[in-house]
Amino acid sequence: MDDTYAHVIRRNARWYRDSEAFICGDRRITHGQFHDEAARLAGALVASGIHPQERVSILSMNSVEYALIFGACELAGFIAATVNFRLAGPEILTVLSEAQPEILFFEAQYAETVAQIRGSLPGIATYVVIDGTPPAWALSWDAFLARGDDSAIPLSPPKADDLVYLIYTSGTTGKPKGVMHDHAYACALARHCGEYMCLGQHDRLLLMMPLFHIGAKAIAMGAQWYGGTVHLHRAFDPVAILATIQQERITATHMAPTLLAGVLDTPTIDDYDISSLRSLIYSASSMPPALLARALERWGPIFVQMYGQTEGILTVLPMNAHRLDGNPQTLERLSSVGHAFIGTEVSVRDENNNEVPVGEVGELCTRGDMIMRGYWNNQPGTIAALAGGWLHSGDVGRMDEAGYFWLVDRKKDMIISGGENIYSREVEEALLSHPAVAQAAVVARPDEKWGEAVCAIVALRPNHAATEEALIAHCREQIAAYKRPRSVIFIDEMPVLASGKINKVALREQYIRGGD
């Protein structure tokens, strides 16, 4: 019975032993090798004195070793505690101080950062460099693995309700929080992702988003659940993505809308044969309508949207809903985030946790088999997020009579100008409908008269031009006049989080609080 992720790894090793499991660069590993090396690594962790449900932290870009560390934790009841490698040293220290791991695996490129903070981390007994030569205070990957060579080392099989992941949020509205997930969640997530992406044992999945984020990890699990192959890229490079799809006959991939736009804008895209691709999942945010139309016209109805967050997964817009030749209702639903997953409830609720009528706006909440156990060492946050037995997403949305959901905004991103509620998402979609606009973020700017004013921050498409006046006039044609931007700031490139979402915290700090 697949009620822990350890069962999935063992099942794949038995059924698909010689089929490739993970590929990164020149490193390739089969499902049988993955099981054996992950078990050896788990044995090394046991031999090092680490007990089940203690934390194992990872500071690394995507690699086969990263997947193996996850696998060791999944096999033997440890908790994989991921660290965003894009954080600064003090931020990494904060995450590690809170997670309190017994061991830290890290890439050699982060050795200097780790050296600067390790004096403030007395709880970490062991440091392991997963590539290259380690400093004097750390072990090499091979030296640490050798601790697991004794086949008699006992591994403790995990239970369904044992924690397996401690994954930190991307920090869209403030300080990242550690989200706890158990094995039952992991199995449900893998099954649902693989099912809606139509994955099977012969599929070859390409991932370029970082494994420390739940999005990439979840999609990798969807392929792993069915015994497929996961190709890992270490960074986003649109030309490398197109080349890999062609060379490896990739059948499925995962991109945030911002990444998909980058691939579509690649000047040499027509030079590559991407006909093998039959499933592309997008997440982090719903697709701007103009971008989705471009993608569908080029690649056809291969798209799946999944909406969720580190704390839980809510809805899916399946592949058969992604068509440009449908009736008006079907076309309208392309701008939705879909319906609830089978086995999951999604509800629109008010400030008192009561369900609102169909069509009215409220907070999107969910309950089911794909929500977190809570926040690590944060009981007040857990109580608030899971109030009334529902996971409260912090997203404002609405539902139609058929059970399809539309996002309106993040609760904290709503702008109140002259007493009127203005949802930044609506203004962003108006901006994105302009042919010159590649990315748009709308934030509140303090205003003496109106309290808050709509400020648009925009990145233009290559070789396109637009003025502030032109964009404001364009918005007046799309939305009510009071919702239009009062000012537009042009930047070359948007700061993005690991999830692919635009980092509005950074934008507010630089252009609103810090001035432009």
Protein backbone atom coordinates (compact mmCIF):
# COMPACT_ATOMS: atom_id res chain seq x y z
CA MET A 1 0.00 0.00 0.00
CA ASP A 2 1.45 3.36 -1.05
CA ASP A 3 0.79 5.30 2.17
CA THR A 4 4.37 6.54 2.62
CA TYR A 5 6.80 7.84 0.02
CA ALA A 6 9.23 5.09 1.01
CA HIS A 7 6.82 2.64 -0.65
CA VAL A 8 6.99 4.63 -3.89
CA ILE A 9 10.80 4.48 -4.02
CA ARG A 10 10.87 0.76 -3.25
CA ARG A 11 8.10 0.03 -5.76
CA ASN A 12 9.94 1.85 -8.54
CA ALA A 13 13.16 -0.01 -7.74
CA ARG A 14 11.28 -3.29 -8.08
CA TRP A 15 9.20 -2.54 -11.17
CA TYR A 16 11.43 -0.12 -13.11
CA ARG A 17 14.88 -0.95 -11.80
CA ASP A 18 16.75 -0.30 -15.06
CA SER A 19 14.73 2.73 -16.20
CA GLU A 20 16.24 6.16 -15.70
CA ALA A 21 14.94 8.04 -12.66
CA PHE A 22 16.96 11.30 -12.50
CA ILE A 23 19.26 13.06 -14.94
CA CYS A 24 21.23 16.26 -14.36
CA GLY A 25 23.99 17.17 -16.80
CA ASP A 26 26.13 14.08 -17.34
CA ARG A 27 24.84 12.35 -14.20
CA ARG A 28 22.20 9.69 -14.84
CA ILE A 29 20.70 7.29 -12.31
CA THR A 30 18.13 4.50 -12.68
CA HIS A 31 15.29 3.80 -10.26
CA GLY A 32 17.21 0.83 -8.91
CA GLN A 33 20.35 2.90 -8.39
CA PHE A 34 18.28 5.70 -6.87
CA HIS A 35 16.86 3.35 -4.24
CA ASP A 36 20.22 1.78 -3.46
CA GLU A 37 22.11 5.08 -3.18
CA ALA A 38 19.33 6.74 -1.17
CA ALA A 39 19.30 3.75 1.21
CA ARG A 40 23.08 3.96 1.54
CA LEU A 41 22.80 7.67 2.32
CA ALA A 42 20.07 6.96 4.86
CA GLY A 43 22.37 4.42 6.49
CA ALA A 44 25.11 7.04 6.68
CA LEU A 45 22.69 9.40 8.43
CA VAL A 46 21.79 6.70 10.95
CA ALA A 47 25.48 5.88 11.49
CA SER A 48 26.07 9.60 12.15
CA GLY A 49 23.64 9.53 15.06
CA ILE A 50 20.68 11.17 13.34
CA HIS A 51 17.31 9.87 14.47
CA PRO A 52 13.95 9.66 12.69
CA GLN A 53 12.05 12.96 12.59
CA GLU A 54 15.24 14.98 13.00
CA ARG A 55 16.00 17.53 10.29
CA VAL A 56 18.38 17.15 7.35
CA SER A 57 18.99 20.50 5.63
CA ILE A 58 19.98 21.07 1.99
CA LEU A 59 21.57 24.21 0.51
CA SER A 60 22.04 23.45 -3.16
CA MET A 61 20.96 24.08 -6.71
CA ASN A 62 19.24 21.22 -8.55
CA SER A 63 21.30 18.04 -8.77
CA VAL A 64 20.92 14.27 -8.61
CA GLU A 65 22.44 14.47 -5.12
CA TYR A 66 19.63 16.79 -4.08
CA ALA A 67 17.09 14.17 -5.17
CA LEU A 68 19.02 11.48 -3.28
CA ILE A 69 18.95 13.50 -0.04
CA PHE A 70 15.19 13.77 -0.42
CA GLY A 71 15.10 10.02 -1.08
CA ALA A 72 17.11 9.16 2.03
CA CYS A 73 14.72 11.20 4.18
CA GLU A 74 11.69 9.62 2.48
CA LEU A 75 13.02 6.09 3.02
CA ALA A 76 14.07 6.37 6.64
CA GLY A 77 11.81 8.86 8.42
CA PHE A 78 14.03 11.95 8.46
CA ILE A 79 12.67 15.41 7.67
CA ALA A 80 14.15 17.11 4.61
CA ALA A 81 14.49 20.82 5.44
CA THR A 82 15.23 22.79 2.29
CA VAL A 83 17.02 26.15 2.13
CA ASN A 84 16.61 28.77 -0.59
CA PHE A 85 20.11 29.17 -2.07
CA ARG A 86 19.19 32.67 -3.27
CA LEU A 87 18.99 34.00 0.28
CA ALA A 88 21.73 36.13 1.82
CA GLY A 89 23.88 34.71 4.63
CA PRO A 90 21.84 36.27 7.50
CA GLU A 91 18.61 34.96 5.94
CA ILE A 92 20.06 31.45 5.60
CA LEU A 93 21.12 31.67 9.24
CA THR A 94 17.57 32.56 10.25
CA VAL A 95 16.11 29.57 8.39
CA LEU A 96 18.68 27.11 9.77
CA SER A 97 18.34 28.48 13.31
CA GLU A 98 14.61 27.88 13.15
CA ALA A 99 14.74 24.45 11.46
CA GLN A 100 17.50 23.22 13.82
CA PRO A 101 18.93 20.49 11.55
CA GLU A 102 21.44 17.92 12.72
CA ILE A 103 23.31 18.03 9.40
CA LEU A 104 23.70 20.42 6.47
CA PHE A 105 24.44 19.26 2.94
CA PHE A 106 25.66 22.10 0.73
CA GLU A 107 27.37 22.78 -2.57
CA ALA A 108 30.97 23.99 -2.57
CA GLN A 109 29.92 27.33 -4.07
CA TYR A 110 28.20 28.16 -0.75
CA ALA A 111 31.14 27.17 1.48
CA GLU A 112 32.14 30.77 2.22
CA THR A 113 28.60 31.69 3.24
CA VAL A 114 28.29 28.61 5.45
CA ALA A 115 31.68 29.31 7.01
CA GLN A 116 30.51 32.78 8.03
CA ILE A 117 27.39 31.55 9.83
CA ARG A 118 28.34 28.12 11.21
CA GLY A 119 29.63 29.62 14.46
CA SER A 120 26.04 30.66 15.19
CA LEU A 121 24.70 27.16 14.46
CA PRO A 122 25.96 24.97 17.33
CA GLY A 123 23.21 22.39 16.73
CA ILE A 124 24.59 21.31 13.36
CA ALA A 125 26.99 18.49 14.11
CA THR A 126 27.96 17.59 10.55
CA TYR A 127 28.58 19.51 7.34
CA VAL A 128 28.82 17.71 4.00
CA VAL A 129 29.89 19.17 0.64
CA ILE A 130 28.00 17.35 -2.10
CA ASP A 131 30.43 18.37 -4.86
CA GLY A 132 34.10 19.28 -4.99
CA THR A 133 36.71 19.51 -2.24
CA PRO A 134 35.35 20.25 1.25
CA PRO A 135 36.85 22.75 3.67
CA ALA A 136 38.60 21.36 6.76
CA TRP A 137 35.43 21.53 8.86
CA ALA A 138 33.27 19.53 6.41
CA LEU A 139 33.13 16.05 4.87
CA SER A 140 33.07 15.17 1.20
CA TRP A 141 30.03 13.45 -0.27
CA ASP A 142 31.94 10.19 -0.82
CA ALA A 143 33.43 10.20 2.69
CA PHE A 144 30.02 10.68 4.25
CA LEU A 145 28.39 8.02 2.05
CA ALA A 146 31.04 5.51 3.17
CA ARG A 147 29.47 5.65 6.64
CA GLY A 148 26.48 3.84 5.16
CA ASP A 149 28.37 0.91 3.66
CA ASP A 150 27.37 -1.49 6.45
CA SER A 151 24.26 -3.22 5.12
CA ALA A 152 23.32 -4.17 8.70
CA ILE A 153 22.54 -0.56 9.64
CA PRO A 154 18.81 -0.58 10.48
CA LEU A 155 16.53 1.93 8.78
CA SER A 156 13.31 2.91 10.54
CA PRO A 157 10.35 2.71 8.13
CA PRO A 158 8.27 5.90 8.29
CA LYS A 159 4.55 6.05 9.04
CA ALA A 160 1.94 7.91 7.02
CA ASP A 161 1.64 10.67 9.61
CA ASP A 162 5.41 11.15 10.04
CA LEU A 163 6.73 14.48 8.81
CA VAL A 164 8.90 14.23 5.70
CA TYR A 165 9.35 17.82 4.40
CA LEU A 166 9.97 21.17 6.04
CA ILE A 167 9.71 23.62 3.15
CA TYR A 168 9.84 27.36 3.58
CA THR A 169 7.36 29.65 1.85
CA SER A 170 8.58 31.97 -0.88
CA GLY A 171 7.86 35.06 1.21
CA THR A 172 5.39 36.84 -1.08
CA THR A 173 3.99 38.85 1.82
CA GLY A 174 6.78 38.80 4.40
CA LYS A 175 9.17 36.50 6.25
CA PRO A 176 9.23 32.90 4.96
CA LYS A 177 7.52 30.34 7.21
CA GLY A 178 8.47 26.68 7.60
CA VAL A 179 5.66 24.46 6.32
CA MET A 180 5.37 20.89 7.65
CA HIS A 181 4.22 18.06 5.37
CA ASP A 182 3.80 14.37 6.17
CA HIS A 183 4.03 11.20 4.09
CA ALA A 184 0.27 11.00 3.51
CA TYR A 185 0.41 14.49 1.97
CA ALA A 186 3.42 13.51 -0.16
CA CYS A 187 1.61 10.50 -1.62
CA ALA A 188 -1.57 12.45 -2.34
CA LEU A 189 0.38 15.28 -3.96
CA ALA A 190 2.39 12.93 -6.17
CA ARG A 191 -0.68 10.98 -7.25
CA HIS A 192 -2.73 14.08 -8.10
CA CYS A 193 0.09 15.84 -9.96
CA GLY A 194 0.94 12.79 -12.03
CA GLU A 195 -2.70 12.06 -12.79
CA TYR A 196 -3.59 15.54 -14.05
CA MET A 197 -0.38 15.81 -16.09
CA CYS A 198 -1.28 12.42 -17.63
CA LEU A 199 2.15 11.02 -16.71
CA GLY A 200 3.26 7.43 -17.06
CA GLN A 201 6.36 5.27 -16.80
CA HIS A 202 7.61 6.24 -20.25
CA ASP A 203 7.34 10.00 -19.72
CA ARG A 204 10.38 12.24 -19.53
CA LEU A 205 9.85 15.35 -17.39
CA LEU A 206 12.02 18.47 -17.54
CA LEU A 207 12.35 20.71 -14.45
CA MET A 208 14.30 23.93 -14.22
CA MET A 209 12.67 25.51 -11.17
CA PRO A 210 14.55 24.85 -7.89
CA LEU A 211 13.81 21.74 -5.84
CA PHE A 212 13.82 23.70 -2.58
CA HIS A 213 10.41 25.04 -3.64
CA ILE A 214 7.27 22.91 -3.35
CA GLY A 215 6.31 23.48 -7.01
CA ALA A 216 9.29 21.72 -8.57
CA LYS A 217 9.35 19.05 -5.88
CA ALA A 218 5.65 18.28 -6.37
CA ILE A 219 5.94 17.92 -10.14
CA ALA A 220 9.03 15.70 -9.78
CA MET A 221 7.00 13.53 -7.41
CA GLY A 222 4.23 13.28 -10.00
CA ALA A 223 6.68 11.72 -12.45
CA GLN A 224 8.31 9.57 -9.77
CA TRP A 225 4.93 8.22 -8.62
CA TYR A 226 4.46 6.58 -12.03
CA GLY A 227 8.08 5.53 -12.52
CA GLY A 228 8.97 8.23 -15.06
CA THR A 229 12.24 10.08 -15.67
CA VAL A 230 13.06 13.52 -14.25
CA HIS A 231 15.56 15.74 -16.09
CA LEU A 232 16.91 18.53 -13.88
CA HIS A 233 18.34 21.85 -15.06
CA ARG A 234 20.20 23.98 -12.58
CA ALA A 235 18.89 27.33 -13.81
CA PHE A 236 16.45 28.82 -16.31
CA ASP A 237 17.99 29.02 -19.77
CA PRO A 238 15.36 29.07 -22.54
CA VAL A 239 17.75 27.89 -25.26
CA ALA A 240 18.95 25.00 -23.08
CA ILE A 241 15.32 24.10 -22.35
CA LEU A 242 14.44 23.95 -26.03
CA ALA A 243 17.58 21.95 -26.81
CA THR A 244 16.84 19.42 -24.05
CA ILE A 245 13.24 18.97 -25.19
CA GLN A 246 14.54 18.16 -28.66
CA GLN A 247 17.51 15.98 -27.68
CA GLU A 248 15.91 14.01 -24.85
CA ARG A 249 12.41 13.88 -26.38
CA ILE A 250 10.92 15.49 -23.29
CA THR A 251 7.19 14.79 -22.96
CA ALA A 252 6.31 17.03 -20.00
CA THR A 253 7.60 20.12 -18.24
CA HIS A 254 6.71 22.69 -15.61
CA MET A 255 7.05 26.46 -15.86
CA ALA A 256 5.76 29.55 -14.15
CA PRO A 257 4.11 31.95 -16.63
CA THR A 258 7.15 34.25 -16.46
CA LEU A 259 9.41 31.40 -17.59
CA LEU A 260 7.03 30.30 -20.33
CA ALA A 261 7.05 33.86 -21.69
CA GLY A 262 10.85 33.71 -21.79
CA VAL A 263 10.77 30.52 -23.85
CA LEU A 264 8.14 31.85 -26.25
CA ASP A 265 10.21 35.02 -26.77
CA THR A 266 13.35 33.06 -27.66
CA PRO A 267 14.34 34.26 -31.16
CA THR A 268 15.50 30.79 -32.24
CA ILE A 269 12.46 28.85 -30.98
CA ASP A 270 11.55 27.69 -34.49
CA ASP A 271 14.94 25.98 -34.84
CA TYR A 272 13.97 23.27 -32.32
CA ASP A 273 11.76 20.22 -32.67
CA ILE A 274 9.55 20.20 -29.59
CA SER A 275 6.90 17.90 -31.01
CA SER A 276 7.49 15.33 -28.23
CA LEU A 277 6.06 17.73 -25.62
CA ARG A 278 2.51 16.73 -24.71
CA SER A 279 2.03 18.12 -21.19
CA LEU A 280 3.04 21.50 -19.77
CA ILE A 281 1.96 22.44 -16.29
CA TYR A 282 2.04 26.04 -15.15
CA SER A 283 1.66 27.29 -11.61
CA ALA A 284 2.71 30.12 -9.26
CA SER A 285 0.04 32.31 -10.90
CA SER A 286 -2.63 31.97 -13.55
CA MET A 287 -1.57 32.74 -17.09
CA PRO A 288 -2.21 36.23 -18.48
CA PRO A 289 -4.81 35.68 -21.23
CA ALA A 290 -2.62 37.11 -24.00
CA LEU A 291 0.29 34.85 -23.03
CA LEU A 292 -1.92 31.77 -22.78
CA ALA A 293 -3.34 32.47 -26.24
CA ARG A 294 0.20 32.69 -27.68
CA ALA A 295 1.17 29.42 -25.99
CA LEU A 296 -1.95 27.57 -27.14
CA GLU A 297 -1.54 28.78 -30.71
CA ARG A 298 2.05 27.50 -30.79
CA TRP A 299 1.78 24.24 -28.84
CA GLY A 300 -1.90 23.36 -28.76
CA PRO A 301 -3.96 22.15 -25.77
CA ILE A 302 -1.14 20.56 -23.76
CA PHE A 303 -1.48 22.84 -20.74
CA VAL A 304 -2.53 22.14 -17.16
CA GLN A 305 -2.80 24.77 -14.46
CA MET A 306 -2.45 23.90 -10.78
CA TYR A 307 -3.15 26.55 -8.19
CA GLY A 308 -1.81 26.28 -4.68
CA GLN A 309 0.93 27.33 -2.32
CA THR A 310 3.49 25.73 -0.04
CA GLU A 311 0.75 25.24 2.57
CA GLY A 312 -1.60 23.35 0.29
CA ILE A 313 -2.92 22.66 -3.22
CA LEU A 314 -6.39 23.92 -4.11
CA THR A 315 -7.49 23.69 -7.74
CA VAL A 316 -6.66 22.43 -11.21
CA LEU A 317 -7.62 23.65 -14.68
CA PRO A 318 -7.20 20.42 -16.64
CA MET A 319 -5.79 19.92 -20.08
CA ASN A 320 -9.16 19.50 -21.81
CA ALA A 321 -10.19 22.98 -20.61
CA HIS A 322 -7.30 24.66 -22.44
CA ARG A 323 -8.88 25.32 -25.83
CA LEU A 324 -9.29 28.48 -27.88
CA ASP A 325 -12.17 27.08 -29.94
CA GLY A 326 -14.66 26.54 -27.14
CA ASN A 327 -17.97 28.24 -26.35
CA PRO A 328 -17.99 31.58 -24.49
CA GLN A 329 -18.23 29.87 -21.09
CA THR A 330 -15.26 27.62 -21.86
CA LEU A 331 -13.19 30.56 -23.08
CA GLU A 332 -14.02 32.53 -19.94
CA ARG A 333 -12.80 29.66 -17.78
CA LEU A 334 -9.34 29.96 -19.33
CA SER A 335 -8.84 32.92 -16.98
CA SER A 336 -9.89 30.87 -13.95
CA VAL A 337 -7.75 28.62 -11.76
CA GLY A 338 -10.06 25.69 -12.39
CA HIS A 339 -12.02 23.49 -10.04
CA ALA A 340 -11.12 21.60 -6.87
CA PHE A 341 -9.11 18.40 -7.11
CA ILE A 342 -11.05 15.18 -6.61
CA GLY A 343 -11.00 14.50 -2.87
CA THR A 344 -10.46 18.17 -2.05
CA GLU A 345 -12.96 20.84 -1.02
CA VAL A 346 -12.49 24.50 -1.91
CA SER A 347 -14.74 27.21 -0.51
CA VAL A 348 -15.00 31.00 -0.69
CA ARG A 349 -15.40 32.30 2.85
CA ASP A 350 -15.83 35.63 4.65
CA GLU A 351 -13.95 37.12 7.61
CA ASN A 352 -16.10 35.05 10.00
CA ASN A 353 -15.27 31.80 8.16
CA ASN A 354 -18.76 31.54 6.66
CA GLU A 355 -19.21 30.45 3.05
CA VAL A 356 -20.30 33.32 0.78
CA PRO A 357 -22.87 32.98 -2.02
CA VAL A 358 -21.82 31.96 -5.52
CA GLY A 359 -20.26 34.87 -7.38
CA GLU A 360 -19.35 36.88 -4.30
CA VAL A 361 -15.76 37.61 -3.34
CA GLY A 362 -14.06 36.15 -0.29
CA GLU A 363 -10.99 34.22 0.82
CA LEU A 364 -10.27 30.93 -0.94
CA CYS A 365 -10.04 28.12 1.61
CA THR A 366 -9.51 24.39 1.26
CA ARG A 367 -9.50 21.12 3.14
CA GLY A 368 -8.57 17.64 2.04
CA ASP A 369 -5.52 15.43 1.63
CA MET A 370 -3.11 18.04 0.26
CA ILE A 371 -2.74 20.58 3.05
CA MET A 372 0.05 21.19 5.54
CA ARG A 373 0.25 19.91 9.10
CA GLY A 374 1.13 23.44 10.22
CA TYR A 375 3.98 25.92 10.52
CA TRP A 376 7.20 24.82 12.20
CA ASN A 377 7.54 26.33 15.71
CA ASN A 378 4.73 28.79 14.94
CA GLN A 379 1.57 27.79 16.75
CA PRO A 380 -0.21 31.17 16.41
CA GLY A 381 0.39 31.13 12.65
CA THR A 382 -0.82 27.53 12.41
CA ILE A 383 -4.01 28.25 14.36
CA ALA A 384 -4.79 31.24 12.13
CA ALA A 385 -4.03 29.44 8.88
CA LEU A 386 -6.09 26.35 9.76
CA ALA A 387 -8.96 28.09 11.56
CA GLY A 388 -12.24 26.19 11.48
CA GLY A 389 -10.65 23.15 9.85
CA TRP A 390 -9.92 25.01 6.60
CA LEU A 391 -6.59 26.10 5.17
CA HIS A 392 -6.93 29.84 4.60
CA SER A 393 -4.96 30.69 1.47
CA GLY A 394 -4.74 34.46 1.90
CA ASP A 395 -6.00 34.76 -1.69
CA VAL A 396 -9.22 36.60 -2.53
CA GLY A 397 -11.42 34.97 -5.16
CA ARG A 398 -14.87 33.94 -6.30
CA MET A 399 -16.65 30.80 -7.57
CA ASP A 400 -19.16 30.32 -10.37
CA GLU A 401 -22.18 28.00 -10.34
CA ALA A 402 -20.18 25.16 -11.91
CA GLY A 403 -17.52 25.22 -9.18
CA TYR A 404 -14.76 27.03 -11.11
CA PHE A 405 -12.69 29.54 -9.16
CA TRP A 406 -11.19 32.88 -10.12
CA LEU A 407 -8.40 34.62 -8.24
CA VAL A 408 -9.00 38.29 -7.54
CA ASP A 409 -5.96 39.24 -5.45
CA ARG A 410 -3.82 38.50 -2.45
CA LYS A 411 -5.58 39.86 0.63
CA LYS A 412 -2.53 41.95 1.43
CA ASP A 413 -2.25 43.26 -2.13
CA MET A 414 -5.69 44.86 -2.25
CA ILE A 415 -5.53 48.65 -2.69
CA ILE A 416 -8.06 50.95 -1.00
CA SER A 417 -8.23 54.24 -2.88
CA GLY A 418 -10.84 56.83 -1.97
CA GLY A 419 -12.79 54.14 -0.11
CA GLU A 420 -12.94 51.83 -3.13
CA ASN A 421 -11.41 48.35 -3.13
CA ILE A 422 -9.10 47.90 -6.11
CA TYR A 423 -7.69 44.47 -6.81
CA SER A 424 -4.15 44.69 -8.16
CA ARG A 425 -4.62 41.55 -10.23
CA GLU A 426 -7.39 43.17 -12.29
CA VAL A 427 -5.18 46.16 -13.10
CA GLU A 428 -2.24 43.86 -13.93
CA GLU A 429 -4.35 41.91 -16.41
CA ALA A 430 -5.40 45.17 -18.07
CA LEU A 431 -1.75 46.17 -18.41
CA LEU A 432 -0.73 42.75 -19.71
CA SER A 433 -3.29 43.01 -22.50
CA HIS A 434 -1.16 45.80 -24.02
CA PRO A 435 1.11 44.29 -26.71
CA ALA A 436 4.23 46.03 -25.39
CA VAL A 437 3.95 44.80 -21.80
CA ALA A 438 5.83 41.65 -20.80
CA GLN A 439 5.36 41.80 -17.02
CA ALA A 440 3.35 44.01 -14.69
CA ALA A 441 3.06 44.39 -10.94
CA VAL A 442 0.60 46.75 -9.29
CA VAL A 443 1.19 48.05 -5.77
CA ALA A 444 -0.20 50.80 -3.55
CA ARG A 445 1.55 54.12 -3.25
CA PRO A 446 0.64 56.45 -0.33
CA ASP A 447 -1.51 59.36 -1.51
CA GLU A 448 -2.53 62.39 0.57
CA LYS A 449 -5.90 62.75 -1.17
CA TRP A 450 -6.95 59.15 -1.83
CA GLY A 451 -5.11 57.33 0.96
CA GLU A 452 -3.60 54.92 -1.54
CA ALA A 453 -3.03 55.28 -5.28
CA VAL A 454 -2.48 52.58 -7.89
CA CYS A 455 1.15 52.39 -9.01
CA ALA A 456 2.09 50.13 -11.92
CA ILE A 457 5.59 48.72 -12.29
CA VAL A 458 6.14 47.43 -15.81
CA ALA A 459 8.76 45.55 -17.84
CA LEU A 460 8.34 45.85 -21.60
CA ARG A 461 8.81 43.15 -24.20
CA PRO A 462 12.04 43.24 -26.22
CA ASN A 463 11.99 45.78 -29.07
CA HIS A 464 8.70 47.28 -27.87
CA ALA A 465 7.98 50.74 -26.52
CA ALA A 466 5.20 52.40 -24.52
CA THR A 467 4.79 55.58 -22.49
CA GLU A 468 3.19 56.11 -19.11
CA GLU A 469 0.37 58.04 -20.73
CA ALA A 470 -0.27 55.31 -23.30
CA LEU A 471 -0.51 52.56 -20.66
CA ILE A 472 -2.81 54.58 -18.43
CA ALA A 473 -5.03 55.35 -21.42
CA HIS A 474 -5.04 51.66 -22.36
CA CYS A 475 -6.17 50.71 -18.85
CA ARG A 476 -9.01 53.22 -18.97
CA GLU A 477 -10.35 51.26 -21.94
CA GLN A 478 -10.15 47.95 -20.07
CA ILE A 479 -11.28 48.76 -16.51
CA ALA A 480 -13.13 51.47 -14.59
CA ALA A 481 -11.36 54.82 -14.54
CA TYR A 482 -10.88 54.82 -10.75
CA LYS A 483 -8.91 51.56 -11.02
CA ARG A 484 -6.40 52.86 -13.55
CA PRO A 485 -2.75 53.39 -12.53
CA ARG A 486 -1.97 56.91 -11.36
CA SER A 487 1.70 56.35 -12.16
CA VAL A 488 3.83 53.88 -14.11
CA ILE A 489 7.42 52.90 -13.34
CA PHE A 490 9.39 51.20 -16.12
CA ILE A 491 12.09 48.68 -15.18
CA ASP A 492 14.22 46.33 -17.27
CA GLU A 493 13.46 43.13 -15.40
CA MET A 494 11.16 42.05 -12.56
CA PRO A 495 12.62 40.54 -9.40
CA VAL A 496 11.14 37.08 -9.01
CA LEU A 497 10.90 34.56 -6.20
CA ALA A 498 11.94 30.92 -6.54
CA SER A 499 8.32 30.06 -7.28
CA GLY A 500 8.40 32.28 -10.36
CA LYS A 501 6.11 34.85 -8.75
CA ILE A 502 7.02 38.51 -9.00
CA ASN A 503 8.60 39.68 -5.75
CA LYS A 504 6.29 42.53 -4.73
CA VAL A 505 8.02 42.85 -1.36
CA ALA A 506 11.24 43.82 -3.14
CA LEU A 507 9.38 46.15 -5.53
CA ARG A 508 7.66 47.98 -2.68
CA GLU A 509 10.94 48.33 -0.82
CA GLN A 510 12.81 49.75 -3.81
CA TYR A 511 10.21 51.86 -5.57
CA ILE A 512 7.64 52.79 -2.94
CA ARG A 513 9.36 52.97 0.45
CA GLY A 514 12.78 53.76 -0.98
CA GLY A 515 11.50 56.10 -3.65
CA ASP A 516 12.09 55.85 -7.38
